[in-house]
Amino acid sequence: GKFLLKLGVADVIMVDKCGILARGEDYQNQAHAQIAQITNKNNLKGSLADAMKGADVFVGVSVGNLVDEAMVESMAKNAIVFACANPVPEISPERALKGGAAVVGTGSSKYPNQINNLLVFPGLFRGALDAKTAKITDQMMMAAAYGIANSVADDQLSATYVLPKAIDRRAHEAVAKAVKEAALSDENFEQRR
């Protein structure tokens, strides 16, 4: 959630098994209490279904079969659904598309737009090693995200190809280059302070 906000997402609504994380609630988990302070700007309360109404994007990292077609139908037009639970996504791509999603990705290599951390790590670590840095910064992680995104050329971009394949060396190289540049930029900034 914090990362999405740093990337410029206007509002993020986080949901746990009990519902939407909102300010003013008594959370046992301090991470939930902290994230509730910086997300959900309208302090919406309710269930996952309530959080999805009118949403542009759903990013699931929880359990399979949690989302149904009606929940996707309630989202904004041309919604994006990234159902990343493994081995069973929160909603199958077929059902998400039937519910009206324009773009769907899952953690599975069986479907287009596989969301896999393998896209990040080789390049992230290569870039950090090449820059001879001892830490990974937010700027380096954002650079990695843009490196992945820029690995799909505009003329290749489609609803079924928004992410490169997990084994695409060009993506790993793009991430490494972007991370190295960000690390060196961070280092130069620190030296100027």
N, C-alpha and C. Protein backbone atom coordinates (compact mmCIF):
# COMPACT_ATOMS: atom_id res chain seq x y z
N GLY A 1 0.81 -1.20 0.00
CA GLY A 1 0.00 0.00 0.00
C GLY A 1 0.85 1.26 0.00
N LYS A 2 1.88 1.27 0.85
CA LYS A 2 2.76 2.43 0.91
C LYS A 2 3.46 2.63 -0.44
N PHE A 3 3.88 1.53 -1.05
CA PHE A 3 4.58 1.61 -2.32
C PHE A 3 3.67 2.20 -3.40
N LEU A 4 2.42 1.78 -3.45
CA LEU A 4 1.48 2.32 -4.43
C LEU A 4 1.28 3.82 -4.22
N LEU A 5 1.21 4.24 -2.98
CA LEU A 5 1.07 5.67 -2.71
C LEU A 5 2.31 6.43 -3.19
N LYS A 6 3.49 5.86 -2.94
CA LYS A 6 4.73 6.52 -3.39
C LYS A 6 4.79 6.61 -4.91
N LEU A 7 4.19 5.65 -5.59
CA LEU A 7 4.16 5.67 -7.05
C LEU A 7 3.14 6.68 -7.59
N GLY A 8 2.34 7.26 -6.71
CA GLY A 8 1.41 8.29 -7.13
C GLY A 8 -0.05 7.88 -7.20
N VAL A 9 -0.38 6.67 -6.75
CA VAL A 9 -1.79 6.28 -6.72
C VAL A 9 -2.52 7.21 -5.75
N ALA A 10 -3.62 7.79 -6.19
CA ALA A 10 -4.32 8.81 -5.41
C ALA A 10 -4.91 8.27 -4.11
N ASP A 11 -5.45 7.07 -4.15
CA ASP A 11 -6.04 6.51 -2.94
C ASP A 11 -5.95 4.99 -3.01
N VAL A 12 -5.62 4.41 -1.89
CA VAL A 12 -5.53 2.97 -1.75
C VAL A 12 -6.44 2.57 -0.60
N ILE A 13 -7.27 1.59 -0.85
CA ILE A 13 -8.13 1.07 0.22
C ILE A 13 -7.64 -0.34 0.52
N MET A 14 -7.15 -0.53 1.73
CA MET A 14 -6.63 -1.82 2.16
C MET A 14 -7.73 -2.58 2.88
N VAL A 15 -7.75 -3.90 2.68
CA VAL A 15 -8.77 -4.74 3.29
C VAL A 15 -8.09 -5.95 3.91
N ASP A 16 -8.49 -6.30 5.12
CA ASP A 16 -8.03 -7.56 5.71
C ASP A 16 -9.23 -8.50 5.83
N LYS A 17 -9.06 -9.61 6.52
CA LYS A 17 -10.15 -10.59 6.59
C LYS A 17 -11.39 -10.07 7.30
N CYS A 18 -11.25 -8.98 8.06
CA CYS A 18 -12.40 -8.41 8.77
C CYS A 18 -13.06 -7.26 8.01
N GLY A 19 -12.42 -6.77 6.96
CA GLY A 19 -13.00 -5.68 6.18
C GLY A 19 -12.01 -4.58 5.91
N ILE A 20 -12.54 -3.44 5.48
CA ILE A 20 -11.73 -2.28 5.09
C ILE A 20 -11.00 -1.73 6.31
N LEU A 21 -9.71 -1.43 6.13
CA LEU A 21 -8.93 -0.79 7.19
C LEU A 21 -9.25 0.70 7.19
N ALA A 22 -9.71 1.21 8.34
CA ALA A 22 -10.15 2.59 8.43
C ALA A 22 -9.61 3.23 9.71
N ARG A 23 -9.46 4.54 9.65
CA ARG A 23 -9.01 5.29 10.83
C ARG A 23 -10.08 5.20 11.93
N GLY A 24 -9.63 5.24 13.16
CA GLY A 24 -10.55 5.22 14.28
C GLY A 24 -10.92 3.84 14.78
N GLU A 25 -10.42 2.82 14.11
CA GLU A 25 -10.69 1.44 14.54
C GLU A 25 -9.60 1.00 15.51
N ASP A 26 -9.92 0.03 16.35
CA ASP A 26 -8.95 -0.50 17.32
C ASP A 26 -8.33 -1.77 16.75
N TYR A 27 -7.14 -1.65 16.19
CA TYR A 27 -6.47 -2.78 15.57
C TYR A 27 -5.44 -3.39 16.51
N GLN A 28 -5.46 -4.71 16.62
CA GLN A 28 -4.43 -5.42 17.38
C GLN A 28 -3.11 -5.40 16.62
N ASN A 29 -3.20 -5.44 15.32
CA ASN A 29 -2.03 -5.43 14.46
C ASN A 29 -1.62 -3.98 14.20
N GLN A 30 -0.45 -3.57 14.67
CA GLN A 30 0.01 -2.19 14.53
C GLN A 30 0.24 -1.80 13.07
N ALA A 31 0.61 -2.77 12.24
CA ALA A 31 0.79 -2.47 10.81
C ALA A 31 -0.54 -2.04 10.20
N HIS A 32 -1.64 -2.68 10.62
CA HIS A 32 -2.96 -2.29 10.12
C HIS A 32 -3.30 -0.88 10.60
N ALA A 33 -3.03 -0.60 11.85
CA ALA A 33 -3.32 0.73 12.40
C ALA A 33 -2.52 1.80 11.67
N GLN A 34 -1.26 1.52 11.37
CA GLN A 34 -0.41 2.50 10.69
C GLN A 34 -0.86 2.73 9.25
N ILE A 35 -1.14 1.66 8.52
CA ILE A 35 -1.53 1.82 7.12
C ILE A 35 -2.90 2.49 7.01
N ALA A 36 -3.77 2.27 7.99
CA ALA A 36 -5.09 2.93 7.98
C ALA A 36 -4.96 4.44 8.09
N GLN A 37 -3.87 4.92 8.68
CA GLN A 37 -3.66 6.36 8.84
C GLN A 37 -3.29 7.04 7.52
N ILE A 38 -2.74 6.30 6.57
CA ILE A 38 -2.25 6.95 5.35
C ILE A 38 -3.01 6.51 4.09
N THR A 39 -3.95 5.59 4.22
CA THR A 39 -4.75 5.13 3.09
C THR A 39 -6.22 5.45 3.35
N ASN A 40 -7.06 5.07 2.38
CA ASN A 40 -8.50 5.19 2.55
C ASN A 40 -8.89 6.62 2.93
N LYS A 41 -8.57 7.56 2.03
CA LYS A 41 -8.73 8.98 2.35
C LYS A 41 -10.16 9.38 2.71
N ASN A 42 -11.15 8.64 2.24
CA ASN A 42 -12.55 8.95 2.60
C ASN A 42 -13.02 8.16 3.81
N ASN A 43 -12.11 7.39 4.42
CA ASN A 43 -12.39 6.58 5.60
C ASN A 43 -13.62 5.68 5.40
N LEU A 44 -13.65 5.06 4.22
CA LEU A 44 -14.70 4.10 3.89
C LEU A 44 -14.64 2.92 4.85
N LYS A 45 -15.79 2.40 5.20
CA LYS A 45 -15.86 1.21 6.05
C LYS A 45 -16.72 0.17 5.36
N GLY A 46 -16.49 -1.08 5.70
CA GLY A 46 -17.30 -2.15 5.12
C GLY A 46 -16.46 -3.33 4.70
N SER A 47 -16.98 -4.08 3.75
CA SER A 47 -16.38 -5.33 3.31
C SER A 47 -15.51 -5.12 2.06
N LEU A 48 -14.89 -6.20 1.60
CA LEU A 48 -14.15 -6.16 0.34
C LEU A 48 -15.06 -5.74 -0.80
N ALA A 49 -16.28 -6.26 -0.81
CA ALA A 49 -17.23 -5.88 -1.86
C ALA A 49 -17.48 -4.38 -1.85
N ASP A 50 -17.56 -3.78 -0.67
CA ASP A 50 -17.74 -2.32 -0.57
C ASP A 50 -16.51 -1.59 -1.10
N ALA A 51 -15.35 -2.10 -0.80
CA ALA A 51 -14.10 -1.47 -1.26
C ALA A 51 -13.97 -1.51 -2.77
N MET A 52 -14.51 -2.55 -3.40
CA MET A 52 -14.36 -2.72 -4.84
C MET A 52 -15.34 -1.87 -5.65
N LYS A 53 -16.39 -1.38 -5.05
CA LYS A 53 -17.38 -0.58 -5.78
C LYS A 53 -16.72 0.68 -6.34
N GLY A 54 -16.75 0.81 -7.65
CA GLY A 54 -16.20 1.98 -8.31
C GLY A 54 -14.68 2.01 -8.42
N ALA A 55 -14.01 0.97 -7.92
CA ALA A 55 -12.55 0.94 -7.94
C ALA A 55 -12.03 0.74 -9.36
N ASP A 56 -10.90 1.35 -9.65
CA ASP A 56 -10.25 1.19 -10.95
C ASP A 56 -9.43 -0.10 -11.00
N VAL A 57 -8.86 -0.46 -9.85
CA VAL A 57 -7.94 -1.61 -9.81
C VAL A 57 -8.20 -2.42 -8.53
N PHE A 58 -8.13 -3.72 -8.68
CA PHE A 58 -8.12 -4.64 -7.53
C PHE A 58 -6.79 -5.37 -7.57
N VAL A 59 -6.07 -5.33 -6.45
CA VAL A 59 -4.84 -6.11 -6.30
C VAL A 59 -5.06 -7.04 -5.12
N GLY A 60 -5.14 -8.32 -5.41
CA GLY A 60 -5.36 -9.30 -4.36
C GLY A 60 -4.10 -10.08 -4.06
N VAL A 61 -3.81 -10.21 -2.80
CA VAL A 61 -2.67 -11.00 -2.33
C VAL A 61 -3.09 -11.80 -1.10
N SER A 62 -4.22 -12.50 -1.24
CA SER A 62 -4.78 -13.14 -0.06
C SER A 62 -5.08 -14.62 -0.29
N VAL A 63 -6.34 -14.94 -0.56
CA VAL A 63 -6.75 -16.34 -0.70
C VAL A 63 -7.62 -16.51 -1.94
N GLY A 64 -7.67 -17.72 -2.44
CA GLY A 64 -8.42 -18.01 -3.65
C GLY A 64 -9.92 -17.90 -3.48
N ASN A 65 -10.57 -17.60 -4.61
CA ASN A 65 -12.03 -17.56 -4.70
C ASN A 65 -12.69 -16.62 -3.72
N LEU A 66 -12.08 -15.49 -3.49
CA LEU A 66 -12.59 -14.48 -2.57
C LEU A 66 -13.47 -13.44 -3.27
N VAL A 67 -13.27 -13.30 -4.58
CA VAL A 67 -13.96 -12.29 -5.36
C VAL A 67 -14.90 -12.99 -6.35
N ASP A 68 -16.09 -12.40 -6.54
CA ASP A 68 -17.02 -12.96 -7.52
C ASP A 68 -17.25 -11.97 -8.65
N GLU A 69 -17.96 -12.42 -9.67
CA GLU A 69 -18.20 -11.59 -10.86
C GLU A 69 -18.94 -10.31 -10.51
N ALA A 70 -19.89 -10.38 -9.60
CA ALA A 70 -20.66 -9.19 -9.22
C ALA A 70 -19.75 -8.12 -8.62
N MET A 71 -18.73 -8.53 -7.88
CA MET A 71 -17.80 -7.56 -7.30
C MET A 71 -17.00 -6.87 -8.40
N VAL A 72 -16.61 -7.63 -9.42
CA VAL A 72 -15.89 -7.03 -10.56
C VAL A 72 -16.84 -6.12 -11.33
N GLU A 73 -18.08 -6.55 -11.52
CA GLU A 73 -19.08 -5.73 -12.22
C GLU A 73 -19.27 -4.38 -11.53
N SER A 74 -19.10 -4.33 -10.21
CA SER A 74 -19.31 -3.09 -9.47
C SER A 74 -18.13 -2.11 -9.60
N MET A 75 -17.03 -2.58 -10.17
CA MET A 75 -15.85 -1.72 -10.32
C MET A 75 -16.07 -0.72 -11.45
N ALA A 76 -15.13 0.21 -11.59
CA ALA A 76 -15.19 1.21 -12.66
C ALA A 76 -15.09 0.53 -14.03
N LYS A 77 -15.54 1.23 -15.04
CA LYS A 77 -15.43 0.72 -16.41
C LYS A 77 -13.95 0.51 -16.74
N ASN A 78 -13.65 -0.55 -17.48
CA ASN A 78 -12.28 -0.90 -17.87
C ASN A 78 -11.38 -1.17 -16.67
N ALA A 79 -11.93 -1.79 -15.66
CA ALA A 79 -11.17 -2.08 -14.43
C ALA A 79 -10.05 -3.09 -14.70
N ILE A 80 -9.08 -3.02 -13.82
CA ILE A 80 -7.93 -3.93 -13.85
C ILE A 80 -8.03 -4.83 -12.62
N VAL A 81 -7.85 -6.13 -12.83
CA VAL A 81 -7.90 -7.09 -11.73
C VAL A 81 -6.59 -7.88 -11.72
N PHE A 82 -5.83 -7.71 -10.66
CA PHE A 82 -4.62 -8.50 -10.44
C PHE A 82 -4.90 -9.40 -9.24
N ALA A 83 -5.28 -10.62 -9.54
CA ALA A 83 -5.64 -11.61 -8.51
C ALA A 83 -4.42 -12.52 -8.31
N CYS A 84 -3.61 -12.23 -7.32
CA CYS A 84 -2.28 -12.84 -7.19
C CYS A 84 -2.18 -14.02 -6.23
N ALA A 85 -3.27 -14.39 -5.56
CA ALA A 85 -3.19 -15.53 -4.64
C ALA A 85 -2.77 -16.78 -5.42
N ASN A 86 -1.94 -17.58 -4.81
CA ASN A 86 -1.46 -18.82 -5.44
C ASN A 86 -1.72 -20.00 -4.53
N PRO A 87 -2.06 -21.14 -5.02
CA PRO A 87 -2.16 -21.49 -6.44
C PRO A 87 -3.50 -21.12 -7.07
N VAL A 88 -4.48 -20.71 -6.27
CA VAL A 88 -5.80 -20.35 -6.78
C VAL A 88 -5.98 -18.84 -6.60
N PRO A 89 -6.23 -18.10 -7.68
CA PRO A 89 -6.40 -16.65 -7.55
C PRO A 89 -7.72 -16.28 -6.85
N GLU A 90 -7.81 -15.06 -6.41
CA GLU A 90 -9.02 -14.56 -5.76
C GLU A 90 -10.24 -14.71 -6.67
N ILE A 91 -10.00 -14.57 -7.97
CA ILE A 91 -11.04 -14.82 -8.99
C ILE A 91 -10.31 -15.31 -10.24
N SER A 92 -10.91 -16.26 -10.92
CA SER A 92 -10.27 -16.77 -12.13
C SER A 92 -10.30 -15.69 -13.21
N PRO A 93 -9.33 -15.69 -14.11
CA PRO A 93 -9.35 -14.71 -15.19
C PRO A 93 -10.64 -14.76 -16.01
N GLU A 94 -11.14 -15.97 -16.26
CA GLU A 94 -12.38 -16.11 -17.03
C GLU A 94 -13.53 -15.39 -16.35
N ARG A 95 -13.66 -15.58 -15.05
CA ARG A 95 -14.75 -14.94 -14.31
C ARG A 95 -14.55 -13.43 -14.20
N ALA A 96 -13.30 -13.01 -14.02
CA ALA A 96 -13.02 -11.57 -13.94
C ALA A 96 -13.37 -10.88 -15.26
N LEU A 97 -13.00 -11.51 -16.37
CA LEU A 97 -13.34 -10.94 -17.68
C LEU A 97 -14.84 -10.95 -17.91
N LYS A 98 -15.51 -12.01 -17.49
CA LYS A 98 -16.96 -12.09 -17.61
C LYS A 98 -17.62 -10.98 -16.77
N GLY A 99 -16.99 -10.63 -15.65
CA GLY A 99 -17.50 -9.57 -14.80
C GLY A 99 -17.22 -8.17 -15.34
N GLY A 100 -16.44 -8.09 -16.42
CA GLY A 100 -16.21 -6.79 -17.05
C GLY A 100 -14.81 -6.22 -16.92
N ALA A 101 -13.89 -6.95 -16.32
CA ALA A 101 -12.52 -6.45 -16.22
C ALA A 101 -11.91 -6.31 -17.61
N ALA A 102 -11.15 -5.25 -17.82
CA ALA A 102 -10.49 -5.03 -19.11
C ALA A 102 -9.14 -5.71 -19.16
N VAL A 103 -8.45 -5.74 -18.02
CA VAL A 103 -7.13 -6.36 -17.92
C VAL A 103 -7.13 -7.24 -16.68
N VAL A 104 -6.61 -8.46 -16.84
CA VAL A 104 -6.54 -9.39 -15.72
C VAL A 104 -5.14 -10.00 -15.67
N GLY A 105 -4.60 -10.08 -14.47
CA GLY A 105 -3.34 -10.78 -14.25
C GLY A 105 -3.46 -11.64 -13.02
N THR A 106 -2.70 -12.73 -12.99
CA THR A 106 -2.68 -13.62 -11.82
C THR A 106 -1.24 -14.02 -11.54
N GLY A 107 -1.04 -14.79 -10.51
CA GLY A 107 0.28 -15.33 -10.21
C GLY A 107 0.61 -16.57 -11.01
N SER A 108 -0.30 -17.04 -11.83
CA SER A 108 -0.14 -18.29 -12.55
C SER A 108 0.44 -18.09 -13.95
N SER A 109 1.36 -18.96 -14.32
CA SER A 109 1.94 -18.92 -15.67
C SER A 109 0.97 -19.50 -16.70
N LYS A 110 -0.15 -20.05 -16.26
CA LYS A 110 -1.15 -20.59 -17.19
C LYS A 110 -1.90 -19.49 -17.93
N TYR A 111 -1.85 -18.27 -17.40
CA TYR A 111 -2.64 -17.17 -17.95
C TYR A 111 -1.72 -16.03 -18.38
N PRO A 112 -2.22 -15.16 -19.28
CA PRO A 112 -1.45 -13.96 -19.63
C PRO A 112 -1.26 -13.07 -18.41
N ASN A 113 -0.29 -12.17 -18.49
CA ASN A 113 -0.03 -11.19 -17.44
C ASN A 113 0.30 -11.84 -16.09
N GLN A 114 1.22 -12.81 -16.12
CA GLN A 114 1.63 -13.42 -14.86
C GLN A 114 2.37 -12.39 -14.01
N ILE A 115 1.94 -12.25 -12.79
CA ILE A 115 2.57 -11.35 -11.83
C ILE A 115 3.49 -12.21 -10.97
N ASN A 116 4.79 -12.04 -11.20
CA ASN A 116 5.76 -12.94 -10.58
C ASN A 116 6.95 -12.11 -10.08
N ASN A 117 7.35 -12.33 -8.84
CA ASN A 117 8.48 -11.56 -8.29
C ASN A 117 9.78 -11.86 -9.02
N LEU A 118 9.81 -12.90 -9.83
CA LEU A 118 10.98 -13.19 -10.64
C LEU A 118 11.27 -12.05 -11.62
N LEU A 119 10.28 -11.25 -11.96
CA LEU A 119 10.51 -10.09 -12.80
C LEU A 119 11.37 -9.04 -12.10
N VAL A 120 11.35 -9.03 -10.78
CA VAL A 120 12.04 -7.98 -10.02
C VAL A 120 13.43 -8.40 -9.56
N PHE A 121 13.53 -9.52 -8.90
CA PHE A 121 14.73 -9.79 -8.10
C PHE A 121 16.04 -9.92 -8.85
N PRO A 122 16.12 -10.63 -9.97
CA PRO A 122 17.45 -10.68 -10.59
C PRO A 122 17.97 -9.29 -10.94
N GLY A 123 17.10 -8.47 -11.54
CA GLY A 123 17.52 -7.12 -11.94
C GLY A 123 17.74 -6.20 -10.77
N LEU A 124 16.90 -6.30 -9.76
CA LEU A 124 17.06 -5.44 -8.58
C LEU A 124 18.41 -5.69 -7.93
N PHE A 125 18.75 -6.94 -7.72
CA PHE A 125 20.03 -7.25 -7.08
C PHE A 125 21.21 -6.96 -8.00
N ARG A 126 21.06 -7.23 -9.30
CA ARG A 126 22.13 -6.93 -10.26
C ARG A 126 22.41 -5.43 -10.26
N GLY A 127 21.36 -4.63 -10.31
CA GLY A 127 21.53 -3.18 -10.30
C GLY A 127 22.17 -2.67 -9.03
N ALA A 128 21.76 -3.23 -7.89
CA ALA A 128 22.35 -2.83 -6.61
C ALA A 128 23.82 -3.22 -6.56
N LEU A 129 24.14 -4.42 -7.01
CA LEU A 129 25.54 -4.86 -7.04
C LEU A 129 26.37 -3.99 -7.98
N ASP A 130 25.83 -3.69 -9.17
CA ASP A 130 26.56 -2.86 -10.13
C ASP A 130 26.81 -1.46 -9.59
N ALA A 131 25.88 -0.95 -8.79
CA ALA A 131 26.04 0.38 -8.19
C ALA A 131 26.88 0.35 -6.92
N LYS A 132 27.20 -0.86 -6.48
CA LYS A 132 27.99 -1.05 -5.24
C LYS A 132 27.33 -0.37 -4.04
N THR A 133 26.01 -0.56 -3.96
CA THR A 133 25.27 0.01 -2.84
C THR A 133 24.96 -1.08 -1.81
N ALA A 134 24.85 -0.68 -0.57
CA ALA A 134 24.60 -1.63 0.51
C ALA A 134 23.15 -1.68 0.93
N LYS A 135 22.29 -0.87 0.31
CA LYS A 135 20.89 -0.86 0.72
C LYS A 135 19.99 -0.70 -0.50
N ILE A 136 18.77 -1.17 -0.34
CA ILE A 136 17.74 -1.03 -1.36
C ILE A 136 16.81 0.09 -0.89
N THR A 137 16.65 1.11 -1.71
CA THR A 137 15.82 2.26 -1.35
C THR A 137 14.48 2.21 -2.06
N ASP A 138 13.57 3.07 -1.62
CA ASP A 138 12.28 3.18 -2.29
C ASP A 138 12.48 3.60 -3.75
N GLN A 139 13.42 4.51 -3.99
CA GLN A 139 13.66 4.98 -5.35
C GLN A 139 14.14 3.82 -6.24
N MET A 140 14.95 2.94 -5.70
CA MET A 140 15.41 1.78 -6.46
C MET A 140 14.25 0.84 -6.77
N MET A 141 13.37 0.64 -5.82
CA MET A 141 12.21 -0.23 -6.06
C MET A 141 11.26 0.40 -7.08
N MET A 142 11.07 1.72 -7.01
CA MET A 142 10.23 2.39 -8.01
C MET A 142 10.88 2.28 -9.39
N ALA A 143 12.19 2.44 -9.45
CA ALA A 143 12.90 2.30 -10.73
C ALA A 143 12.71 0.89 -11.27
N ALA A 144 12.73 -0.11 -10.41
CA ALA A 144 12.51 -1.50 -10.84
C ALA A 144 11.10 -1.64 -11.44
N ALA A 145 10.12 -1.05 -10.80
CA ALA A 145 8.74 -1.12 -11.31
C ALA A 145 8.64 -0.48 -12.70
N TYR A 146 9.27 0.68 -12.86
CA TYR A 146 9.24 1.33 -14.17
C TYR A 146 10.04 0.55 -15.19
N GLY A 147 11.13 -0.08 -14.77
CA GLY A 147 11.90 -0.93 -15.67
C GLY A 147 11.06 -2.07 -16.22
N ILE A 148 10.28 -2.68 -15.35
CA ILE A 148 9.38 -3.76 -15.78
C ILE A 148 8.33 -3.20 -16.74
N ALA A 149 7.70 -2.11 -16.34
CA ALA A 149 6.64 -1.53 -17.18
C ALA A 149 7.17 -1.14 -18.56
N ASN A 150 8.36 -0.58 -18.59
CA ASN A 150 8.92 -0.13 -19.86
C ASN A 150 9.46 -1.27 -20.72
N SER A 151 9.43 -2.48 -20.20
CA SER A 151 9.88 -3.65 -20.96
C SER A 151 8.86 -4.10 -21.99
N VAL A 152 7.65 -3.59 -21.88
CA VAL A 152 6.62 -3.89 -22.87
C VAL A 152 6.46 -2.63 -23.72
N ALA A 153 6.85 -2.72 -24.98
CA ALA A 153 6.78 -1.57 -25.88
C ALA A 153 5.32 -1.18 -26.13
N ASP A 154 5.11 0.10 -26.39
CA ASP A 154 3.75 0.60 -26.63
C ASP A 154 3.05 -0.16 -27.74
N ASP A 155 3.79 -0.52 -28.79
CA ASP A 155 3.14 -1.21 -29.90
C ASP A 155 2.85 -2.68 -29.60
N GLN A 156 3.37 -3.19 -28.48
CA GLN A 156 3.10 -4.56 -28.04
C GLN A 156 2.00 -4.61 -26.99
N LEU A 157 1.77 -3.52 -26.33
CA LEU A 157 0.84 -3.44 -25.20
C LEU A 157 -0.57 -3.82 -25.62
N SER A 158 -1.16 -4.74 -24.84
CA SER A 158 -2.55 -5.14 -25.07
C SER A 158 -3.12 -5.63 -23.74
N ALA A 159 -4.39 -5.91 -23.73
CA ALA A 159 -5.03 -6.38 -22.49
C ALA A 159 -4.41 -7.68 -21.99
N THR A 160 -3.87 -8.47 -22.89
CA THR A 160 -3.27 -9.74 -22.48
C THR A 160 -1.74 -9.67 -22.42
N TYR A 161 -1.19 -8.46 -22.60
CA TYR A 161 0.27 -8.31 -22.51
C TYR A 161 0.62 -6.95 -21.92
N VAL A 162 0.45 -6.83 -20.60
CA VAL A 162 0.84 -5.62 -19.88
C VAL A 162 2.12 -5.85 -19.08
N LEU A 163 2.50 -7.11 -18.92
CA LEU A 163 3.71 -7.49 -18.20
C LEU A 163 4.55 -8.42 -19.05
N PRO A 164 5.88 -8.24 -19.03
CA PRO A 164 6.71 -9.20 -19.76
C PRO A 164 6.67 -10.57 -19.07
N LYS A 165 7.06 -11.57 -19.81
CA LYS A 165 7.15 -12.91 -19.23
C LYS A 165 8.21 -12.91 -18.12
N ALA A 166 8.01 -13.75 -17.12
CA ALA A 166 8.92 -13.79 -15.97
C ALA A 166 10.35 -14.13 -16.37
N ILE A 167 10.53 -14.83 -17.46
CA ILE A 167 11.89 -15.22 -17.87
C ILE A 167 12.46 -14.32 -18.97
N ASP A 168 11.84 -13.18 -19.22
CA ASP A 168 12.28 -12.26 -20.26
C ASP A 168 13.55 -11.54 -19.81
N ARG A 169 14.68 -11.89 -20.39
CA ARG A 169 15.97 -11.29 -20.02
C ARG A 169 15.98 -9.78 -20.23
N ARG A 170 15.24 -9.31 -21.24
CA ARG A 170 15.19 -7.86 -21.48
C ARG A 170 14.61 -7.13 -20.27
N ALA A 171 13.62 -7.74 -19.64
CA ALA A 171 13.03 -7.12 -18.45
C ALA A 171 14.04 -7.10 -17.31
N HIS A 172 14.76 -8.19 -17.12
CA HIS A 172 15.76 -8.24 -16.05
C HIS A 172 16.85 -7.20 -16.29
N GLU A 173 17.27 -7.06 -17.55
CA GLU A 173 18.30 -6.08 -17.89
C GLU A 173 17.79 -4.65 -17.71
N ALA A 174 16.54 -4.40 -18.09
CA ALA A 174 15.96 -3.07 -17.92
C ALA A 174 15.84 -2.71 -16.44
N VAL A 175 15.45 -3.68 -15.63
CA VAL A 175 15.35 -3.45 -14.19
C VAL A 175 16.73 -3.17 -13.61
N ALA A 176 17.72 -3.96 -13.98
CA ALA A 176 19.08 -3.76 -13.46
C ALA A 176 19.60 -2.37 -13.80
N LYS A 177 19.41 -1.96 -15.04
CA LYS A 177 19.88 -0.63 -15.47
C LYS A 177 19.16 0.47 -14.70
N ALA A 178 17.84 0.38 -14.60
CA ALA A 178 17.06 1.40 -13.89
C ALA A 178 17.43 1.47 -12.42
N VAL A 179 17.63 0.31 -11.80
CA VAL A 179 17.97 0.26 -10.37
C VAL A 179 19.37 0.85 -10.15
N LYS A 180 20.31 0.50 -11.01
CA LYS A 180 21.66 1.05 -10.88
C LYS A 180 21.63 2.58 -10.98
N GLU A 181 20.92 3.09 -11.97
CA GLU A 181 20.82 4.55 -12.14
C GLU A 181 20.18 5.20 -10.91
N ALA A 182 19.13 4.58 -10.38
CA ALA A 182 18.48 5.13 -9.19
C ALA A 182 19.41 5.08 -7.98
N ALA A 183 20.14 3.98 -7.84
CA ALA A 183 21.07 3.85 -6.70
C ALA A 183 22.17 4.89 -6.78
N LEU A 184 22.71 5.10 -7.97
CA LEU A 184 23.77 6.10 -8.13
C LEU A 184 23.22 7.50 -7.91
N SER A 185 21.99 7.73 -8.34
CA SER A 185 21.34 9.02 -8.10
C SER A 185 21.12 9.24 -6.61
N ASP A 186 20.67 8.20 -5.89
CA ASP A 186 20.50 8.28 -4.43
C ASP A 186 21.83 8.59 -3.77
N GLU A 187 22.88 7.89 -4.21
CA GLU A 187 24.20 8.07 -3.61
C GLU A 187 24.71 9.49 -3.84
N ASN A 188 24.53 10.00 -5.05
CA ASN A 188 24.96 11.37 -5.35
C ASN A 188 24.17 12.37 -4.52
N PHE A 189 22.87 12.11 -4.32
CA PHE A 189 22.05 12.99 -3.50
C PHE A 189 22.56 12.99 -2.06
N GLU A 190 22.85 11.81 -1.52
CA GLU A 190 23.35 11.71 -0.15
C GLU A 190 24.67 12.45 0.00
N GLN A 191 25.54 12.37 -1.01
CA GLN A 191 26.83 13.04 -0.93
C GLN A 191 26.67 14.55 -0.98
N ARG A 192 25.63 15.04 -1.63
CA ARG A 192 25.40 16.49 -1.74
C ARG A 192 24.79 17.07 -0.48
N ARG A 193 24.23 16.25 0.38
CA ARG A 193 23.53 16.75 1.58
C ARG A 193 24.47 17.33 2.58
